[in-house]
Amino acid sequence: MKKIMFMVIALAAAAFAAPKSASAYYSDAAFQYIENRLPSAEITCNEGLQYYPNDQKLQMLLDRIKEAKDEQKNENKKSWSRTWWILYR
């Protein structure tokens, strides 16, 4: 009886420790991307790619997230430049 109980607990623990599917990682990261939570989305994509390194959808989403982060950086630089110009004219 104890062996059976131990096996059930061990199997349940293994099921919870198993990685999500590539589709689940993509879905989570896409949702984070849409909410403009780019750092979280990037982390989720990278985590998914550790388990599924050949997943094209995850890789494409990660590339888009990196582009969006670069665009935000450029916008912030332009905004700061305009602010500086207004303040010190």
N, C-alpha and C. Protein backbone atom coordinates (compact mmCIF):
# COMPACT_ATOMS: atom_id res chain seq x y z
N MET A 1 0.83 -1.20 0.00
CA MET A 1 0.00 0.00 0.00
C MET A 1 0.87 1.26 0.00
N LYS A 2 1.94 1.25 0.82
CA LYS A 2 2.82 2.40 0.88
C LYS A 2 3.53 2.62 -0.46
N LYS A 3 3.87 1.53 -1.14
CA LYS A 3 4.54 1.64 -2.43
C LYS A 3 3.62 2.30 -3.46
N ILE A 4 2.37 1.91 -3.45
CA ILE A 4 1.41 2.48 -4.39
C ILE A 4 1.21 3.97 -4.11
N MET A 5 1.10 4.31 -2.84
CA MET A 5 0.92 5.72 -2.46
C MET A 5 2.14 6.54 -2.89
N PHE A 6 3.32 5.99 -2.69
CA PHE A 6 4.55 6.67 -3.08
C PHE A 6 4.60 6.86 -4.60
N MET A 7 4.21 5.83 -5.35
CA MET A 7 4.21 5.92 -6.82
C MET A 7 3.24 7.00 -7.30
N VAL A 8 2.07 7.06 -6.70
CA VAL A 8 1.08 8.07 -7.09
C VAL A 8 1.63 9.47 -6.83
N ILE A 9 2.23 9.68 -5.68
CA ILE A 9 2.79 10.99 -5.33
C ILE A 9 3.95 11.33 -6.26
N ALA A 10 4.79 10.36 -6.55
CA ALA A 10 5.93 10.59 -7.44
C ALA A 10 5.46 10.96 -8.85
N LEU A 11 4.45 10.27 -9.35
CA LEU A 11 3.93 10.58 -10.68
C LEU A 11 3.27 11.96 -10.72
N ALA A 12 2.57 12.31 -9.67
CA ALA A 12 1.94 13.63 -9.61
C ALA A 12 3.00 14.72 -9.58
N ALA A 13 4.05 14.52 -8.82
CA ALA A 13 5.13 15.52 -8.76
C ALA A 13 5.82 15.65 -10.11
N ALA A 14 6.03 14.55 -10.80
CA ALA A 14 6.67 14.59 -12.12
C ALA A 14 5.79 15.33 -13.12
N ALA A 15 4.49 15.15 -13.04
CA ALA A 15 3.58 15.83 -13.96
C ALA A 15 3.62 17.34 -13.77
N PHE A 16 3.71 17.78 -12.52
CA PHE A 16 3.77 19.22 -12.27
C PHE A 16 5.11 19.82 -12.66
N ALA A 17 6.17 19.03 -12.64
CA ALA A 17 7.50 19.52 -12.96
C ALA A 17 7.77 19.52 -14.46
N ALA A 18 6.92 18.87 -15.24
CA ALA A 18 7.13 18.79 -16.68
C ALA A 18 6.96 20.16 -17.33
N PRO A 19 7.76 20.45 -18.35
CA PRO A 19 7.63 21.75 -19.02
C PRO A 19 6.31 21.85 -19.78
N LYS A 20 5.90 23.07 -20.01
CA LYS A 20 4.69 23.31 -20.80
C LYS A 20 4.98 22.95 -22.25
N SER A 21 3.95 22.88 -23.04
CA SER A 21 4.14 22.63 -24.47
C SER A 21 4.64 23.90 -25.14
N ALA A 22 5.20 23.75 -26.31
CA ALA A 22 5.68 24.91 -27.07
C ALA A 22 4.52 25.86 -27.34
N SER A 23 3.37 25.30 -27.62
CA SER A 23 2.18 26.11 -27.87
C SER A 23 1.79 26.94 -26.65
N ALA A 24 1.92 26.35 -25.46
CA ALA A 24 1.58 27.07 -24.22
C ALA A 24 2.57 28.21 -23.98
N TYR A 25 3.86 27.96 -24.23
CA TYR A 25 4.85 29.03 -24.08
C TYR A 25 4.54 30.17 -25.07
N TYR A 26 4.22 29.79 -26.30
CA TYR A 26 3.90 30.79 -27.32
C TYR A 26 2.69 31.62 -26.91
N SER A 27 1.64 30.93 -26.47
CA SER A 27 0.41 31.60 -26.07
C SER A 27 0.67 32.58 -24.92
N ASP A 28 1.41 32.13 -23.91
CA ASP A 28 1.72 33.00 -22.76
C ASP A 28 2.54 34.21 -23.20
N ALA A 29 3.56 33.97 -24.00
CA ALA A 29 4.43 35.06 -24.45
C ALA A 29 3.68 36.03 -25.36
N ALA A 30 2.82 35.52 -26.21
CA ALA A 30 2.04 36.38 -27.10
C ALA A 30 1.11 37.28 -26.30
N PHE A 31 0.48 36.72 -25.28
CA PHE A 31 -0.40 37.51 -24.42
C PHE A 31 0.40 38.62 -23.72
N GLN A 32 1.57 38.28 -23.22
CA GLN A 32 2.42 39.27 -22.57
C GLN A 32 2.86 40.35 -23.56
N TYR A 33 3.17 39.94 -24.77
CA TYR A 33 3.56 40.89 -25.82
C TYR A 33 2.42 41.86 -26.13
N ILE A 34 1.23 41.33 -26.28
CA ILE A 34 0.07 42.17 -26.58
C ILE A 34 -0.18 43.18 -25.46
N GLU A 35 0.08 42.77 -24.22
CA GLU A 35 -0.09 43.68 -23.08
C GLU A 35 1.12 44.61 -22.90
N ASN A 36 2.05 44.56 -23.84
CA ASN A 36 3.26 45.38 -23.82
C ASN A 36 4.15 45.08 -22.61
N ARG A 37 4.10 43.85 -22.15
CA ARG A 37 4.99 43.40 -21.08
C ARG A 37 6.16 42.69 -21.74
N LEU A 38 6.97 43.48 -22.45
CA LEU A 38 8.02 42.93 -23.30
C LEU A 38 9.09 42.14 -22.54
N PRO A 39 9.56 42.62 -21.39
CA PRO A 39 10.57 41.81 -20.68
C PRO A 39 10.03 40.43 -20.27
N SER A 40 8.80 40.38 -19.79
CA SER A 40 8.20 39.09 -19.41
C SER A 40 8.01 38.20 -20.63
N ALA A 41 7.58 38.78 -21.73
CA ALA A 41 7.37 38.01 -22.95
C ALA A 41 8.69 37.44 -23.46
N GLU A 42 9.75 38.22 -23.36
CA GLU A 42 11.06 37.75 -23.80
C GLU A 42 11.54 36.58 -22.93
N ILE A 43 11.34 36.70 -21.64
CA ILE A 43 11.73 35.63 -20.72
C ILE A 43 10.95 34.36 -21.02
N THR A 44 9.65 34.50 -21.25
CA THR A 44 8.80 33.33 -21.55
C THR A 44 9.25 32.66 -22.84
N CYS A 45 9.55 33.46 -23.87
CA CYS A 45 10.02 32.88 -25.13
C CYS A 45 11.35 32.15 -24.94
N ASN A 46 12.27 32.78 -24.24
CA ASN A 46 13.58 32.15 -24.01
C ASN A 46 13.44 30.85 -23.23
N GLU A 47 12.54 30.85 -22.25
CA GLU A 47 12.31 29.63 -21.48
C GLU A 47 11.74 28.54 -22.38
N GLY A 48 10.79 28.90 -23.22
CA GLY A 48 10.21 27.92 -24.14
C GLY A 48 11.24 27.40 -25.13
N LEU A 49 12.11 28.27 -25.60
CA LEU A 49 13.14 27.86 -26.56
C LEU A 49 14.21 26.98 -25.92
N GLN A 50 14.35 27.04 -24.60
CA GLN A 50 15.26 26.11 -23.93
C GLN A 50 14.74 24.68 -24.05
N TYR A 51 13.43 24.53 -23.97
CA TYR A 51 12.82 23.20 -24.09
C TYR A 51 12.55 22.81 -25.54
N TYR A 52 12.24 23.79 -26.37
CA TYR A 52 11.88 23.54 -27.77
C TYR A 52 12.72 24.45 -28.67
N PRO A 53 14.02 24.18 -28.81
CA PRO A 53 14.92 25.09 -29.53
C PRO A 53 14.61 25.24 -31.02
N ASN A 54 13.88 24.32 -31.61
CA ASN A 54 13.60 24.39 -33.04
C ASN A 54 12.20 24.92 -33.35
N ASP A 55 11.52 25.46 -32.34
CA ASP A 55 10.15 25.94 -32.56
C ASP A 55 10.20 27.30 -33.27
N GLN A 56 9.72 27.31 -34.52
CA GLN A 56 9.79 28.52 -35.34
C GLN A 56 8.87 29.63 -34.83
N LYS A 57 7.69 29.27 -34.35
CA LYS A 57 6.76 30.30 -33.86
C LYS A 57 7.35 31.03 -32.65
N LEU A 58 7.94 30.28 -31.72
CA LEU A 58 8.55 30.92 -30.56
C LEU A 58 9.72 31.81 -30.98
N GLN A 59 10.53 31.33 -31.92
CA GLN A 59 11.67 32.11 -32.38
C GLN A 59 11.22 33.39 -33.09
N MET A 60 10.18 33.28 -33.92
CA MET A 60 9.68 34.46 -34.62
C MET A 60 9.10 35.48 -33.64
N LEU A 61 8.40 34.99 -32.63
CA LEU A 61 7.84 35.89 -31.63
C LEU A 61 8.96 36.57 -30.84
N LEU A 62 9.99 35.82 -30.49
CA LEU A 62 11.14 36.40 -29.78
C LEU A 62 11.80 37.48 -30.62
N ASP A 63 11.95 37.23 -31.91
CA ASP A 63 12.54 38.24 -32.80
C ASP A 63 11.68 39.51 -32.81
N ARG A 64 10.37 39.34 -32.88
CA ARG A 64 9.46 40.50 -32.89
C ARG A 64 9.52 41.26 -31.57
N ILE A 65 9.61 40.53 -30.47
CA ILE A 65 9.71 41.17 -29.15
C ILE A 65 10.98 42.01 -29.08
N LYS A 66 12.09 41.46 -29.57
CA LYS A 66 13.35 42.21 -29.55
C LYS A 66 13.26 43.46 -30.43
N GLU A 67 12.60 43.35 -31.57
CA GLU A 67 12.39 44.52 -32.43
C GLU A 67 11.57 45.59 -31.70
N ALA A 68 10.52 45.15 -31.02
CA ALA A 68 9.66 46.09 -30.29
C ALA A 68 10.44 46.77 -29.17
N LYS A 69 11.30 46.03 -28.49
CA LYS A 69 12.11 46.63 -27.43
C LYS A 69 13.07 47.67 -28.01
N ASP A 70 13.65 47.37 -29.16
CA ASP A 70 14.54 48.33 -29.83
C ASP A 70 13.77 49.59 -30.25
N GLU A 71 12.54 49.39 -30.77
CA GLU A 71 11.71 50.53 -31.16
C GLU A 71 11.40 51.40 -29.95
N GLN A 72 11.09 50.77 -28.83
CA GLN A 72 10.82 51.54 -27.61
C GLN A 72 12.04 52.33 -27.17
N LYS A 73 13.22 51.73 -27.24
CA LYS A 73 14.45 52.43 -26.87
C LYS A 73 14.65 53.65 -27.76
N ASN A 74 14.44 53.47 -29.07
CA ASN A 74 14.61 54.58 -30.00
C ASN A 74 13.60 55.69 -29.73
N GLU A 75 12.36 55.31 -29.43
CA GLU A 75 11.34 56.31 -29.11
C GLU A 75 11.71 57.07 -27.84
N ASN A 76 12.23 56.35 -26.85
CA ASN A 76 12.64 57.01 -25.61
C ASN A 76 13.78 57.99 -25.85
N LYS A 77 14.73 57.61 -26.72
CA LYS A 77 15.83 58.51 -27.04
C LYS A 77 15.32 59.77 -27.74
N LYS A 78 14.40 59.58 -28.69
CA LYS A 78 13.84 60.73 -29.40
C LYS A 78 13.07 61.63 -28.44
N SER A 79 12.30 61.01 -27.56
CA SER A 79 11.52 61.77 -26.59
C SER A 79 12.44 62.58 -25.69
N TRP A 80 13.51 61.97 -25.22
CA TRP A 80 14.46 62.66 -24.35
C TRP A 80 15.13 63.80 -25.12
N SER A 81 15.45 63.56 -26.36
CA SER A 81 16.08 64.58 -27.18
C SER A 81 15.16 65.79 -27.34
N ARG A 82 13.88 65.53 -27.59
CA ARG A 82 12.91 66.62 -27.72
C ARG A 82 12.75 67.36 -26.39
N THR A 83 12.70 66.62 -25.30
CA THR A 83 12.57 67.24 -23.98
C THR A 83 13.77 68.12 -23.69
N TRP A 84 14.95 67.61 -23.98
CA TRP A 84 16.18 68.36 -23.75
C TRP A 84 16.16 69.65 -24.57
N TRP A 85 15.73 69.54 -25.83
CA TRP A 85 15.70 70.69 -26.71
C TRP A 85 14.74 71.76 -26.16
N ILE A 86 13.58 71.36 -25.68
CA ILE A 86 12.60 72.29 -25.14
C ILE A 86 13.12 72.93 -23.86
N LEU A 87 13.74 72.17 -23.01
CA LEU A 87 14.22 72.68 -21.73
C LEU A 87 15.39 73.65 -21.88
N TYR A 88 16.23 73.41 -22.84
CA TYR A 88 17.49 74.18 -22.92
C TYR A 88 17.55 75.09 -24.14
N ARG A 89 16.42 75.47 -24.69
CA ARG A 89 16.42 76.39 -25.83
C ARG A 89 16.72 77.78 -25.39
